Amino acid sequence: MPIKVEMIRENKVVLQTYSEPLKSTDMTILRNQMENVILPSASGKVHVIADLRDIQNLPGTILSSGSGMLRTPHPNTGQIIFITSNGFVSAMANIFAKLAPKQSVIAARSLEEAYKEVDALLAQGN
């Protein structure tokens, strides 16, 4: 699968690393894994780092599937951070943030920037 999922930071952060070719079925598999396995088994909020730096072509269903997940997030979903330098993908992250006002979504330009963000949240106890 072109989406690698790892639990990091003492199982308080999910690092999702995306690679080409990414299909809508991959997004469905990821959503099921997050909603049915990872988030329900968490003892509290789990932050998500979605590393999209290697993605140039998003599936056509990304807006509908992504916004659907963000509009009704699992109660254990914490901060979501998209990592990308691609202007289109960054614009999509901004659209997701507007479509899902109940879910905190931000964009970062590097993995280090994303780590800094989640480490600050973890230090605050969030």
PDB file of N, CA and C in Angstrom:
ATOM      1  N   MET A   1       0.851  -1.180   0.000  1.00  0.00           N
ATOM      2  CA  MET A   1       0.000   0.000   0.000  1.00  0.00           C
ATOM      3  C   MET A   1       0.894   1.240   0.000  1.00  0.00           C
ATOM      4  N   PRO A   2       0.541   2.238  -0.766  1.00  0.00           N
ATOM      5  CA  PRO A   2       1.375   3.447  -0.836  1.00  0.00           C
ATOM      6  C   PRO A   2       1.214   4.401   0.343  1.00  0.00           C
ATOM      7  N   ILE A   3       0.568   3.938   1.427  1.00  0.00           N
ATOM      8  CA  ILE A   3       0.488   4.749   2.641  1.00  0.00           C
ATOM      9  C   ILE A   3       1.041   3.909   3.781  1.00  0.00           C
ATOM     10  N   LYS A   4       2.189   4.341   4.288  1.00  0.00           N
ATOM     11  CA  LYS A   4       2.820   3.655   5.419  1.00  0.00           C
ATOM     12  C   LYS A   4       2.337   4.325   6.697  1.00  0.00           C
ATOM     13  N   VAL A   5       1.886   3.531   7.669  1.00  0.00           N
ATOM     14  CA  VAL A   5       1.354   4.063   8.921  1.00  0.00           C
ATOM     15  C   VAL A   5       2.230   3.585  10.074  1.00  0.00           C
ATOM     16  N   GLU A   6       2.735   4.544  10.866  1.00  0.00           N
ATOM     17  CA  GLU A   6       3.573   4.220  12.019  1.00  0.00           C
ATOM     18  C   GLU A   6       3.072   4.978  13.236  1.00  0.00           C
ATOM     19  N   MET A   7       3.103   4.319  14.383  1.00  0.00           N
ATOM     20  CA  MET A   7       2.823   4.996  15.641  1.00  0.00           C
ATOM     21  C   MET A   7       4.162   5.485  16.182  1.00  0.00           C
ATOM     22  N   ILE A   8       4.228   6.769  16.542  1.00  0.00           N
ATOM     23  CA  ILE A   8       5.463   7.360  17.064  1.00  0.00           C
ATOM     24  C   ILE A   8       5.134   8.166  18.316  1.00  0.00           C
ATOM     25  N   ARG A   9       6.155   8.710  18.948  1.00  0.00           N
ATOM     26  CA  ARG A   9       6.001   9.556  20.132  1.00  0.00           C
ATOM     27  C   ARG A   9       5.137   8.841  21.185  1.00  0.00           C
ATOM     28  N   GLU A  10       5.597   7.640  21.570  1.00  0.00           N
ATOM     29  CA  GLU A  10       4.926   6.839  22.597  1.00  0.00           C
ATOM     30  C   GLU A  10       3.461   6.573  22.249  1.00  0.00           C
ATOM     31  N   ASN A  11       3.209   6.264  20.977  1.00  0.00           N
ATOM     32  CA  ASN A  11       1.880   5.945  20.453  1.00  0.00           C
ATOM     33  C   ASN A  11       0.869   7.082  20.596  1.00  0.00           C
ATOM     34  N   LYS A  12       1.366   8.315  20.612  1.00  0.00           N
ATOM     35  CA  LYS A  12       0.482   9.471  20.697  1.00  0.00           C
ATOM     36  C   LYS A  12       0.393  10.230  19.380  1.00  0.00           C
ATOM     37  N   VAL A  13       1.154   9.747  18.383  1.00  0.00           N
ATOM     38  CA  VAL A  13       1.171  10.388  17.061  1.00  0.00           C
ATOM     39  C   VAL A  13       1.190   9.293  16.002  1.00  0.00           C
ATOM     40  N   VAL A  14       0.379   9.480  14.968  1.00  0.00           N
ATOM     41  CA  VAL A  14       0.406   8.593  13.810  1.00  0.00           C
ATOM     42  C   VAL A  14       1.135   9.332  12.694  1.00  0.00           C
ATOM     43  N   LEU A  15       2.178   8.702  12.176  1.00  0.00           N
ATOM     44  CA  LEU A  15       2.885   9.240  11.011  1.00  0.00           C
ATOM     45  C   LEU A  15       2.426   8.455   9.800  1.00  0.00           C
ATOM     46  N   GLN A  16       1.765   9.146   8.889  1.00  0.00           N
ATOM     47  CA  GLN A  16       1.304   8.544   7.639  1.00  0.00           C
ATOM     48  C   GLN A  16       2.198   9.070   6.527  1.00  0.00           C
ATOM     49  N   THR A  17       2.910   8.158   5.858  1.00  0.00           N
ATOM     50  CA  THR A  17       3.801   8.552   4.775  1.00  0.00           C
ATOM     51  C   THR A  17       3.204   8.058   3.462  1.00  0.00           C
ATOM     52  N   TYR A  18       2.871   8.991   2.591  1.00  0.00           N
ATOM     53  CA  TYR A  18       2.199   8.688   1.324  1.00  0.00           C
ATOM     54  C   TYR A  18       3.217   8.620   0.194  1.00  0.00           C
ATOM     55  N   SER A  19       2.976   7.700  -0.762  1.00  0.00           N
ATOM     56  CA  SER A  19       3.821   7.621  -1.947  1.00  0.00           C
ATOM     57  C   SER A  19       2.946   7.337  -3.172  1.00  0.00           C
ATOM     58  N   GLU A  20       3.505   7.568  -4.321  1.00  0.00           N
ATOM     59  CA  GLU A  20       2.802   7.328  -5.592  1.00  0.00           C
ATOM     60  C   GLU A  20       2.852   5.846  -5.938  1.00  0.00           C
ATOM     61  N   PRO A  21       1.938   5.318  -6.690  1.00  0.00           N
ATOM     62  CA  PRO A  21       0.653   5.921  -7.081  1.00  0.00           C
ATOM     63  C   PRO A  21      -0.365   5.750  -5.962  1.00  0.00           C
ATOM     64  N   LEU A  22      -1.077   6.803  -5.672  1.00  0.00           N
ATOM     65  CA  LEU A  22      -2.087   6.808  -4.619  1.00  0.00           C
ATOM     66  C   LEU A  22      -3.464   6.739  -5.272  1.00  0.00           C
ATOM     67  N   LYS A  23      -4.269   5.768  -4.816  1.00  0.00           N
ATOM     68  CA  LYS A  23      -5.611   5.586  -5.384  1.00  0.00           C
ATOM     69  C   LYS A  23      -6.658   5.835  -4.309  1.00  0.00           C
ATOM     70  N   SER A  24      -7.865   6.054  -4.720  1.00  0.00           N
ATOM     71  CA  SER A  24      -8.940   6.297  -3.765  1.00  0.00           C
ATOM     72  C   SER A  24      -9.157   5.092  -2.859  1.00  0.00           C
ATOM     73  N   THR A  25      -8.917   3.881  -3.362  1.00  0.00           N
ATOM     74  CA  THR A  25      -9.073   2.693  -2.513  1.00  0.00           C
ATOM     75  C   THR A  25      -8.045   2.694  -1.380  1.00  0.00           C
ATOM     76  N   ASP A  26      -6.861   3.263  -1.619  1.00  0.00           N
ATOM     77  CA  ASP A  26      -5.854   3.378  -0.558  1.00  0.00           C
ATOM     78  C   ASP A  26      -6.363   4.280   0.560  1.00  0.00           C
ATOM     79  N   MET A  27      -7.054   5.340   0.188  1.00  0.00           N
ATOM     80  CA  MET A  27      -7.607   6.260   1.179  1.00  0.00           C
ATOM     81  C   MET A  27      -8.706   5.577   2.002  1.00  0.00           C
ATOM     82  N   THR A  28      -9.500   4.727   1.354  1.00  0.00           N
ATOM     83  CA  THR A  28     -10.548   3.991   2.058  1.00  0.00           C
ATOM     84  C   THR A  28      -9.945   3.015   3.059  1.00  0.00           C
ATOM     85  N   ILE A  29      -8.896   2.321   2.649  1.00  0.00           N
ATOM     86  CA  ILE A  29      -8.205   1.387   3.550  1.00  0.00           C
ATOM     87  C   ILE A  29      -7.638   2.141   4.747  1.00  0.00           C
ATOM     88  N   LEU A  30      -7.011   3.288   4.496  1.00  0.00           N
ATOM     89  CA  LEU A  30      -6.450   4.097   5.576  1.00  0.00           C
ATOM     90  C   LEU A  30      -7.546   4.563   6.531  1.00  0.00           C
ATOM     91  N   ARG A  31      -8.635   5.079   5.993  1.00  0.00           N
ATOM     92  CA  ARG A  31      -9.737   5.553   6.832  1.00  0.00           C
ATOM     93  C   ARG A  31     -10.251   4.423   7.726  1.00  0.00           C
ATOM     94  N   ASN A  32     -10.437   3.234   7.155  1.00  0.00           N
ATOM     95  CA  ASN A  32     -10.911   2.098   7.945  1.00  0.00           C
ATOM     96  C   ASN A  32      -9.923   1.725   9.042  1.00  0.00           C
ATOM     97  N   GLN A  33      -8.637   1.737   8.718  1.00  0.00           N
ATOM     98  CA  GLN A  33      -7.606   1.416   9.701  1.00  0.00           C
ATOM     99  C   GLN A  33      -7.611   2.436  10.846  1.00  0.00           C
ATOM    100  N   MET A  34      -7.704   3.710  10.495  1.00  0.00           N
ATOM    101  CA  MET A  34      -7.704   4.758  11.515  1.00  0.00           C
ATOM    102  C   MET A  34      -8.964   4.686  12.383  1.00  0.00           C
ATOM    103  N   GLU A  35     -10.137   4.569  11.756  1.00  0.00           N
ATOM    104  CA  GLU A  35     -11.408   4.609  12.479  1.00  0.00           C
ATOM    105  C   GLU A  35     -11.726   3.327  13.248  1.00  0.00           C
ATOM    106  N   ASN A  36     -11.235   2.189  12.761  1.00  0.00           N
ATOM    107  CA  ASN A  36     -11.618   0.913  13.375  1.00  0.00           C
ATOM    108  C   ASN A  36     -10.527   0.259  14.212  1.00  0.00           C
ATOM    109  N   VAL A  37      -9.271   0.688  14.057  1.00  0.00           N
ATOM    110  CA  VAL A  37      -8.181   0.038  14.776  1.00  0.00           C
ATOM    111  C   VAL A  37      -7.402   1.046  15.627  1.00  0.00           C
ATOM    112  N   ILE A  38      -6.802   2.020  14.986  1.00  0.00           N
ATOM    113  CA  ILE A  38      -5.863   2.908  15.681  1.00  0.00           C
ATOM    114  C   ILE A  38      -6.553   3.833  16.672  1.00  0.00           C
ATOM    115  N   LEU A  39      -7.508   4.612  16.227  1.00  0.00           N
ATOM    116  CA  LEU A  39      -8.139   5.599  17.112  1.00  0.00           C
ATOM    117  C   LEU A  39      -8.970   4.967  18.238  1.00  0.00           C
ATOM    118  N   PRO A  40      -9.749   3.912  17.984  1.00  0.00           N
ATOM    119  CA  PRO A  40     -10.508   3.313  19.089  1.00  0.00           C
ATOM    120  C   PRO A  40      -9.633   2.705  20.186  1.00  0.00           C
ATOM    121  N   SER A  41      -8.440   2.262  19.828  1.00  0.00           N
ATOM    122  CA  SER A  41      -7.569   1.635  20.824  1.00  0.00           C
ATOM    123  C   SER A  41      -6.723   2.652  21.595  1.00  0.00           C
ATOM    124  N   ALA A  42      -6.788   3.910  21.213  1.00  0.00           N
ATOM    125  CA  ALA A  42      -5.994   4.949  21.881  1.00  0.00           C
ATOM    126  C   ALA A  42      -6.627   5.334  23.214  1.00  0.00           C
ATOM    127  N   SER A  43      -5.777   5.704  24.164  1.00  0.00           N
ATOM    128  CA  SER A  43      -6.271   6.099  25.483  1.00  0.00           C
ATOM    129  C   SER A  43      -6.559   7.601  25.558  1.00  0.00           C
ATOM    130  N   GLY A  44      -6.282   8.317  24.505  1.00  0.00           N
ATOM    131  CA  GLY A  44      -6.525   9.755  24.466  1.00  0.00           C
ATOM    132  C   GLY A  44      -6.361  10.271  23.056  1.00  0.00           C
ATOM    133  N   LYS A  45      -6.141  11.562  22.931  1.00  0.00           N
ATOM    134  CA  LYS A  45      -5.978  12.171  21.611  1.00  0.00           C
ATOM    135  C   LYS A  45      -4.732  11.647  20.907  1.00  0.00           C
ATOM    136  N   VAL A  46      -4.882  11.381  19.616  1.00  0.00           N
ATOM    137  CA  VAL A  46      -3.784  10.948  18.762  1.00  0.00           C
ATOM    138  C   VAL A  46      -3.649  11.978  17.652  1.00  0.00           C
ATOM    139  N   HIS A  47      -2.482  12.595  17.568  1.00  0.00           N
ATOM    140  CA  HIS A  47      -2.216  13.570  16.517  1.00  0.00           C
ATOM    141  C   HIS A  47      -1.783  12.823  15.260  1.00  0.00           C
ATOM    142  N   VAL A  48      -2.031  13.430  14.105  1.00  0.00           N
ATOM    143  CA  VAL A  48      -1.722  12.792  12.827  1.00  0.00           C
ATOM    144  C   VAL A  48      -0.799  13.691  12.024  1.00  0.00           C
ATOM    145  N   ILE A  49       0.308  13.115  11.582  1.00  0.00           N
ATOM    146  CA  ILE A  49       1.191  13.787  10.629  1.00  0.00           C
ATOM    147  C   ILE A  49       1.028  13.051   9.315  1.00  0.00           C
ATOM    148  N   ALA A  50       0.523  13.732   8.304  1.00  0.00           N
ATOM    149  CA  ALA A  50       0.326  13.157   6.973  1.00  0.00           C
ATOM    150  C   ALA A  50       1.410  13.717   6.058  1.00  0.00           C
ATOM    151  N   ASP A  51       2.426  12.895   5.800  1.00  0.00           N
ATOM    152  CA  ASP A  51       3.573  13.321   4.994  1.00  0.00           C
ATOM    153  C   ASP A  51       3.270  13.089   3.517  1.00  0.00           C
ATOM    154  N   LEU A  52       2.921  14.167   2.831  1.00  0.00           N
ATOM    155  CA  LEU A  52       2.529  14.113   1.419  1.00  0.00           C
ATOM    156  C   LEU A  52       3.616  14.653   0.487  1.00  0.00           C
ATOM    157  N   ARG A  53       4.844  14.734   0.975  1.00  0.00           N
ATOM    158  CA  ARG A  53       5.907  15.341   0.169  1.00  0.00           C
ATOM    159  C   ARG A  53       6.196  14.582  -1.124  1.00  0.00           C
ATOM    160  N   ASP A  54       5.940  13.278  -1.166  1.00  0.00           N
ATOM    161  CA  ASP A  54       6.217  12.493  -2.371  1.00  0.00           C
ATOM    162  C   ASP A  54       5.003  12.352  -3.278  1.00  0.00           C
ATOM    163  N   ILE A  55       3.949  13.085  -2.995  1.00  0.00           N
ATOM    164  CA  ILE A  55       2.719  12.988  -3.786  1.00  0.00           C
ATOM    165  C   ILE A  55       2.600  14.183  -4.727  1.00  0.00           C
ATOM    166  N   GLN A  56       2.420  13.885  -5.985  1.00  0.00           N
ATOM    167  CA  GLN A  56       2.160  14.932  -6.977  1.00  0.00           C
ATOM    168  C   GLN A  56       0.750  14.832  -7.534  1.00  0.00           C
ATOM    169  N   ASN A  57       0.192  13.612  -7.541  1.00  0.00           N
ATOM    170  CA  ASN A  57      -1.131  13.377  -8.110  1.00  0.00           C
ATOM    171  C   ASN A  57      -2.064  12.809  -7.056  1.00  0.00           C
ATOM    172  N   LEU A  58      -3.023  13.619  -6.636  1.00  0.00           N
ATOM    173  CA  LEU A  58      -3.997  13.167  -5.653  1.00  0.00           C
ATOM    174  C   LEU A  58      -5.158  12.482  -6.359  1.00  0.00           C
ATOM    175  N   PRO A  59      -5.742  11.455  -5.731  1.00  0.00           N
ATOM    176  CA  PRO A  59      -6.918  10.818  -6.333  1.00  0.00           C
ATOM    177  C   PRO A  59      -8.061  11.818  -6.457  1.00  0.00           C
ATOM    178  N   GLY A  60      -8.891  11.640  -7.458  1.00  0.00           N
ATOM    179  CA  GLY A  60     -10.006  12.556  -7.689  1.00  0.00           C
ATOM    180  C   GLY A  60     -10.991  12.617  -6.540  1.00  0.00           C
ATOM    181  N   THR A  61     -11.035  11.574  -5.714  1.00  0.00           N
ATOM    182  CA  THR A  61     -11.998  11.525  -4.612  1.00  0.00           C
ATOM    183  C   THR A  61     -11.439  12.090  -3.305  1.00  0.00           C
ATOM    184  N   ILE A  62     -10.237  12.655  -3.339  1.00  0.00           N
ATOM    185  CA  ILE A  62      -9.588  13.105  -2.110  1.00  0.00           C
ATOM    186  C   ILE A  62     -10.402  14.171  -1.380  1.00  0.00           C
ATOM    187  N   LEU A  63     -11.010  15.082  -2.096  1.00  0.00           N
ATOM    188  CA  LEU A  63     -11.764  16.144  -1.437  1.00  0.00           C
ATOM    189  C   LEU A  63     -12.983  15.585  -0.718  1.00  0.00           C
ATOM    190  N   SER A  64     -13.745  14.726  -1.390  1.00  0.00           N
ATOM    191  CA  SER A  64     -14.948  14.184  -0.741  1.00  0.00           C
ATOM    192  C   SER A  64     -14.601  13.234   0.391  1.00  0.00           C
ATOM    193  N   SER A  65     -13.644  12.337   0.191  1.00  0.00           N
ATOM    194  CA  SER A  65     -13.310  11.375   1.254  1.00  0.00           C
ATOM    195  C   SER A  65     -12.611  12.068   2.417  1.00  0.00           C
ATOM    196  N   GLY A  66     -11.700  12.975   2.126  1.00  0.00           N
ATOM    197  CA  GLY A  66     -10.987  13.684   3.183  1.00  0.00           C
ATOM    198  C   GLY A  66     -11.891  14.581   3.998  1.00  0.00           C
ATOM    199  N   SER A  67     -12.745  15.327   3.321  1.00  0.00           N
ATOM    200  CA  SER A  67     -13.627  16.232   4.063  1.00  0.00           C
ATOM    201  C   SER A  67     -14.655  15.455   4.868  1.00  0.00           C
ATOM    202  N   GLY A  68     -15.073  14.307   4.366  1.00  0.00           N
ATOM    203  CA  GLY A  68     -16.010  13.470   5.120  1.00  0.00           C
ATOM    204  C   GLY A  68     -15.409  12.996   6.426  1.00  0.00           C
ATOM    205  N   MET A  69     -14.154  12.566   6.387  1.00  0.00           N
ATOM    206  CA  MET A  69     -13.471  12.106   7.598  1.00  0.00           C
ATOM    207  C   MET A  69     -13.285  13.261   8.581  1.00  0.00           C
ATOM    208  N   LEU A  70     -13.012  14.445   8.077  1.00  0.00           N
ATOM    209  CA  LEU A  70     -12.751  15.586   8.953  1.00  0.00           C
ATOM    210  C   LEU A  70     -14.025  16.186   9.546  1.00  0.00           C
ATOM    211  N   ARG A  71     -15.134  16.081   8.830  1.00  0.00           N
ATOM    212  CA  ARG A  71     -16.394  16.638   9.348  1.00  0.00           C
ATOM    213  C   ARG A  71     -16.903  15.830  10.538  1.00  0.00           C
ATOM    214  N   THR A  72     -16.640  14.535  10.538  1.00  0.00           N
ATOM    215  CA  THR A  72     -17.078  13.675  11.640  1.00  0.00           C
ATOM    216  C   THR A  72     -15.869  12.914  12.188  1.00  0.00           C
ATOM    217  N   PRO A  73     -14.925  13.645  12.783  1.00  0.00           N
ATOM    218  CA  PRO A  73     -13.714  12.979  13.263  1.00  0.00           C
ATOM    219  C   PRO A  73     -13.989  12.077  14.470  1.00  0.00           C
ATOM    220  N   HIS A  74     -13.194  11.049  14.588  1.00  0.00           N
ATOM    221  CA  HIS A  74     -13.250  10.185  15.766  1.00  0.00           C
ATOM    222  C   HIS A  74     -12.902  11.038  16.987  1.00  0.00           C
ATOM    223  N   PRO A  75     -13.509  10.791  18.138  1.00  0.00           N
ATOM    224  CA  PRO A  75     -13.224  11.603  19.337  1.00  0.00           C
ATOM    225  C   PRO A  75     -11.746  11.601  19.753  1.00  0.00           C
ATOM    226  N   ASN A  76     -10.980  10.606  19.369  1.00  0.00           N
ATOM    227  CA  ASN A  76      -9.562  10.549  19.732  1.00  0.00           C
ATOM    228  C   ASN A  76      -8.654  11.224  18.706  1.00  0.00           C
ATOM    229  N   THR A  77      -9.239  11.866  17.699  1.00  0.00           N
ATOM    230  CA  THR A  77      -8.427  12.545  16.694  1.00  0.00           C
ATOM    231  C   THR A  77      -7.934  13.877  17.253  1.00  0.00           C
ATOM    232  N   GLY A  78      -6.617  14.050  17.251  1.00  0.00           N
ATOM    233  CA  GLY A  78      -6.020  15.308  17.698  1.00  0.00           C
ATOM    234  C   GLY A  78      -5.719  16.214  16.512  1.00  0.00           C
ATOM    235  N   GLN A  79      -4.638  16.959  16.615  1.00  0.00           N
ATOM    236  CA  GLN A  79      -4.182  17.863  15.549  1.00  0.00           C
ATOM    237  C   GLN A  79      -3.813  17.046  14.309  1.00  0.00           C
ATOM    238  N   ILE A  80      -4.184  17.538  13.147  1.00  0.00           N
ATOM    239  CA  ILE A  80      -3.773  16.919  11.884  1.00  0.00           C
ATOM    240  C   ILE A  80      -2.844  17.894  11.180  1.00  0.00           C
ATOM    241  N   ILE A  81      -1.667  17.383  10.808  1.00  0.00           N
ATOM    242  CA  ILE A  81      -0.665  18.213  10.148  1.00  0.00           C
ATOM    243  C   ILE A  81      -0.332  17.589   8.799  1.00  0.00           C
ATOM    244  N   PHE A  82      -0.557  18.320   7.730  1.00  0.00           N
ATOM    245  CA  PHE A  82      -0.178  17.886   6.387  1.00  0.00           C
ATOM    246  C   PHE A  82       1.200  18.461   6.080  1.00  0.00           C
ATOM    247  N   ILE A  83       2.117  17.608   5.630  1.00  0.00           N
ATOM    248  CA  ILE A  83       3.441  18.085   5.220  1.00  0.00           C
ATOM    249  C   ILE A  83       3.494  18.060   3.701  1.00  0.00           C
ATOM    250  N   THR A  84       3.757  19.216   3.116  1.00  0.00           N
ATOM    251  CA  THR A  84       3.866  19.291   1.661  1.00  0.00           C
ATOM    252  C   THR A  84       4.540  20.593   1.247  1.00  0.00           C
ATOM    253  N   SER A  85       5.217  20.540   0.119  1.00  0.00           N
ATOM    254  CA  SER A  85       5.732  21.758  -0.491  1.00  0.00           C
ATOM    255  C   SER A  85       4.998  22.009  -1.808  1.00  0.00           C
ATOM    256  N   ASN A  86       4.093  21.084  -2.162  1.00  0.00           N
ATOM    257  CA  ASN A  86       3.289  21.177  -3.372  1.00  0.00           C
ATOM    258  C   ASN A  86       2.170  22.194  -3.135  1.00  0.00           C
ATOM    259  N   GLY A  87       2.101  23.213  -3.971  1.00  0.00           N
ATOM    260  CA  GLY A  87       1.110  24.270  -3.813  1.00  0.00           C
ATOM    261  C   GLY A  87      -0.320  23.765  -3.850  1.00  0.00           C
ATOM    262  N   PHE A  88      -0.602  22.814  -4.743  1.00  0.00           N
ATOM    263  CA  PHE A  88      -1.961  22.282  -4.851  1.00  0.00           C
ATOM    264  C   PHE A  88      -2.329  21.505  -3.590  1.00  0.00           C
ATOM    265  N   VAL A  89      -1.421  20.659  -3.112  1.00  0.00           N
ATOM    266  CA  VAL A  89      -1.692  19.861  -1.914  1.00  0.00           C
ATOM    267  C   VAL A  89      -1.848  20.785  -0.701  1.00  0.00           C
ATOM    268  N   SER A  90      -1.046  21.826  -0.627  1.00  0.00           N
ATOM    269  CA  SER A  90      -1.167  22.801   0.462  1.00  0.00           C
ATOM    270  C   SER A  90      -2.525  23.501   0.398  1.00  0.00           C
ATOM    271  N   ALA A  91      -2.969  23.834  -0.794  1.00  0.00           N
ATOM    272  CA  ALA A  91      -4.287  24.454  -0.954  1.00  0.00           C
ATOM    273  C   ALA A  91      -5.391  23.498  -0.503  1.00  0.00           C
ATOM    274  N   MET A  92      -5.232  22.206  -0.801  1.00  0.00           N
ATOM    275  CA  MET A  92      -6.204  21.199  -0.362  1.00  0.00           C
ATOM    276  C   MET A  92      -6.248  21.149   1.168  1.00  0.00           C
ATOM    277  N   ALA A  93      -5.091  21.214   1.820  1.00  0.00           N
ATOM    278  CA  ALA A  93      -5.050  21.207   3.287  1.00  0.00           C
ATOM    279  C   ALA A  93      -5.809  22.412   3.839  1.00  0.00           C
ATOM    280  N   ASN A  94      -5.647  23.557   3.203  1.00  0.00           N
ATOM    281  CA  ASN A  94      -6.374  24.758   3.635  1.00  0.00           C
ATOM    282  C   ASN A  94      -7.877  24.613   3.422  1.00  0.00           C
ATOM    283  N   ILE A  95      -8.263  23.971   2.332  1.00  0.00           N
ATOM    284  CA  ILE A  95      -9.690  23.716   2.083  1.00  0.00           C
ATOM    285  C   ILE A  95     -10.243  22.779   3.149  1.00  0.00           C
ATOM    286  N   PHE A  96      -9.473  21.711   3.468  1.00  0.00           N
ATOM    287  CA  PHE A  96      -9.906  20.785   4.517  1.00  0.00           C
ATOM    288  C   PHE A  96     -10.117  21.529   5.833  1.00  0.00           C
ATOM    289  N   ALA A  97      -9.224  22.442   6.157  1.00  0.00           N
ATOM    290  CA  ALA A  97      -9.331  23.199   7.403  1.00  0.00           C
ATOM    291  C   ALA A  97     -10.622  24.013   7.431  1.00  0.00           C
ATOM    292  N   LYS A  98     -11.022  24.558   6.295  1.00  0.00           N
ATOM    293  CA  LYS A  98     -12.249  25.354   6.235  1.00  0.00           C
ATOM    294  C   LYS A  98     -13.503  24.478   6.238  1.00  0.00           C
ATOM    295  N   LEU A  99     -13.411  23.286   5.620  1.00  0.00           N
ATOM    296  CA  LEU A  99     -14.562  22.387   5.563  1.00  0.00           C
ATOM    297  C   LEU A  99     -14.816  21.687   6.893  1.00  0.00           C
ATOM    298  N   ALA A 100     -13.827  21.658   7.746  1.00  0.00           N
ATOM    299  CA  ALA A 100     -13.948  20.932   9.006  1.00  0.00           C
ATOM    300  C   ALA A 100     -13.581  21.835  10.179  1.00  0.00           C
ATOM    301  N   PRO A 101     -14.429  22.787  10.504  1.00  0.00           N
ATOM    302  CA  PRO A 101     -14.085  23.726  11.569  1.00  0.00           C
ATOM    303  C   PRO A 101     -13.934  23.078  12.947  1.00  0.00           C
ATOM    304  N   LYS A 102     -14.486  21.874  13.137  1.00  0.00           N
ATOM    305  CA  LYS A 102     -14.356  21.186  14.425  1.00  0.00           C
ATOM    306  C   LYS A 102     -13.017  20.467  14.558  1.00  0.00           C
ATOM    307  N   GLN A 103     -12.308  20.299  13.451  1.00  0.00           N
ATOM    308  CA  GLN A 103     -11.052  19.565  13.452  1.00  0.00           C
ATOM    309  C   GLN A 103      -9.910  20.514  13.129  1.00  0.00           C
ATOM    310  N   SER A 104      -8.863  20.483  13.944  1.00  0.00           N
ATOM    311  CA  SER A 104      -7.714  21.352  13.726  1.00  0.00           C
ATOM    312  C   SER A 104      -6.794  20.745  12.669  1.00  0.00           C
ATOM    313  N   VAL A 105      -6.623  21.471  11.563  1.00  0.00           N
ATOM    314  CA  VAL A 105      -5.795  21.029  10.446  1.00  0.00           C
ATOM    315  C   VAL A 105      -4.837  22.152  10.085  1.00  0.00           C
ATOM    316  N   ILE A 106      -3.550  21.817   9.975  1.00  0.00           N
ATOM    317  CA  ILE A 106      -2.566  22.806   9.545  1.00  0.00           C
ATOM    318  C   ILE A 106      -1.637  22.178   8.517  1.00  0.00           C
ATOM    319  N   ALA A 107      -0.903  23.014   7.815  1.00  0.00           N
ATOM    320  CA  ALA A 107       0.086  22.550   6.843  1.00  0.00           C
ATOM    321  C   ALA A 107       1.475  22.915   7.346  1.00  0.00           C
ATOM    322  N   ALA A 108       2.426  22.015   7.099  1.00  0.00           N
ATOM    323  CA  ALA A 108       3.832  22.246   7.439  1.00  0.00           C
ATOM    324  C   ALA A 108       4.656  21.990   6.186  1.00  0.00           C
ATOM    325  N   ARG A 109       5.862  22.543   6.141  1.00  0.00           N
ATOM    326  CA  ARG A 109       6.698  22.369   4.959  1.00  0.00           C
ATOM    327  C   ARG A 109       7.755  21.284   5.138  1.00  0.00           C
ATOM    328  N   SER A 110       7.937  20.799   6.379  1.00  0.00           N
ATOM    329  CA  SER A 110       8.951  19.766   6.612  1.00  0.00           C
ATOM    330  C   SER A 110       8.515  18.855   7.756  1.00  0.00           C
ATOM    331  N   LEU A 111       9.138  17.690   7.810  1.00  0.00           N
ATOM    332  CA  LEU A 111       8.870  16.755   8.891  1.00  0.00           C
ATOM    333  C   LEU A 111       9.318  17.352  10.218  1.00  0.00           C
ATOM    334  N   GLU A 112      10.430  18.063  10.198  1.00  0.00           N
ATOM    335  CA  GLU A 112      10.930  18.697  11.417  1.00  0.00           C
ATOM    336  C   GLU A 112       9.927  19.718  11.959  1.00  0.00           C
ATOM    337  N   GLU A 113       9.322  20.495  11.076  1.00  0.00           N
ATOM    338  CA  GLU A 113       8.320  21.474  11.488  1.00  0.00           C
ATOM    339  C   GLU A 113       7.103  20.769  12.096  1.00  0.00           C
ATOM    340  N   ALA A 114       6.689  19.662  11.496  1.00  0.00           N
ATOM    341  CA  ALA A 114       5.561  18.889  12.025  1.00  0.00           C
ATOM    342  C   ALA A 114       5.891  18.297  13.393  1.00  0.00           C
ATOM    343  N   TYR A 115       7.107  17.750  13.534  1.00  0.00           N
ATOM    344  CA  TYR A 115       7.532  17.214  14.832  1.00  0.00           C
ATOM    345  C   TYR A 115       7.532  18.299  15.898  1.00  0.00           C
ATOM    346  N   LYS A 116       7.985  19.475  15.544  1.00  0.00           N
ATOM    347  CA  LYS A 116       8.026  20.588  16.501  1.00  0.00           C
ATOM    348  C   LYS A 116       6.607  20.914  16.975  1.00  0.00           C
ATOM    349  N   GLU A 117       5.675  20.899  16.052  1.00  0.00           N
ATOM    350  CA  GLU A 117       4.271  21.190  16.377  1.00  0.00           C
ATOM    351  C   GLU A 117       3.695  20.125  17.318  1.00  0.00           C
ATOM    352  N   VAL A 118       3.856  18.843  16.992  1.00  0.00           N
ATOM    353  CA  VAL A 118       3.269  17.807  17.858  1.00  0.00           C
ATOM    354  C   VAL A 118       4.000  17.710  19.186  1.00  0.00           C
ATOM    355  N   ASP A 119       5.298  17.933  19.200  1.00  0.00           N
ATOM    356  CA  ASP A 119       6.032  17.899  20.459  1.00  0.00           C
ATOM    357  C   ASP A 119       5.553  19.005  21.396  1.00  0.00           C
ATOM    358  N   ALA A 120       5.216  20.174  20.848  1.00  0.00           N
ATOM    359  CA  ALA A 120       4.663  21.261  21.664  1.00  0.00           C
ATOM    360  C   ALA A 120       3.294  20.860  22.210  1.00  0.00           C
ATOM    361  N   LEU A 121       2.473  20.223  21.391  1.00  0.00           N
ATOM    362  CA  LEU A 121       1.161  19.764  21.847  1.00  0.00           C
ATOM    363  C   LEU A 121       1.302  18.708  22.939  1.00  0.00           C
ATOM    364  N   LEU A 122       2.210  17.769  22.745  1.00  0.00           N
ATOM    365  CA  LEU A 122       2.420  16.714  23.734  1.00  0.00           C
ATOM    366  C   LEU A 122       2.953  17.280  25.040  1.00  0.00           C
ATOM    367  N   ALA A 123       3.805  18.291  24.957  1.00  0.00           N
ATOM    368  CA  ALA A 123       4.352  18.926  26.161  1.00  0.00           C
ATOM    369  C   ALA A 123       3.245  19.630  26.961  1.00  0.00           C
ATOM    370  N   GLN A 124       2.228  20.109  26.252  1.00  0.00           N
ATOM    371  CA  GLN A 124       1.099  20.777  26.912  1.00  0.00           C
ATOM    372  C   GLN A 124       0.092  19.769  27.468  1.00  0.00           C
ATOM    373  N   GLY A 125       0.289  18.508  27.127  1.00  0.00           N
ATOM    374  CA  GLY A 125      -0.645  17.482  27.563  1.00  0.00           C
ATOM    375  C   GLY A 125      -1.817  17.298  26.623  1.00  0.00           C
ATOM    376  N   ASN A 126      -1.722  17.852  25.434  1.00  0.00           N
ATOM    377  CA  ASN A 126      -2.803  17.730  24.423  1.00  0.00           C
ATOM    378  C   ASN A 126      -2.546  16.551  23.523  1.00  0.00           C
TER     379      ASN A 126
END
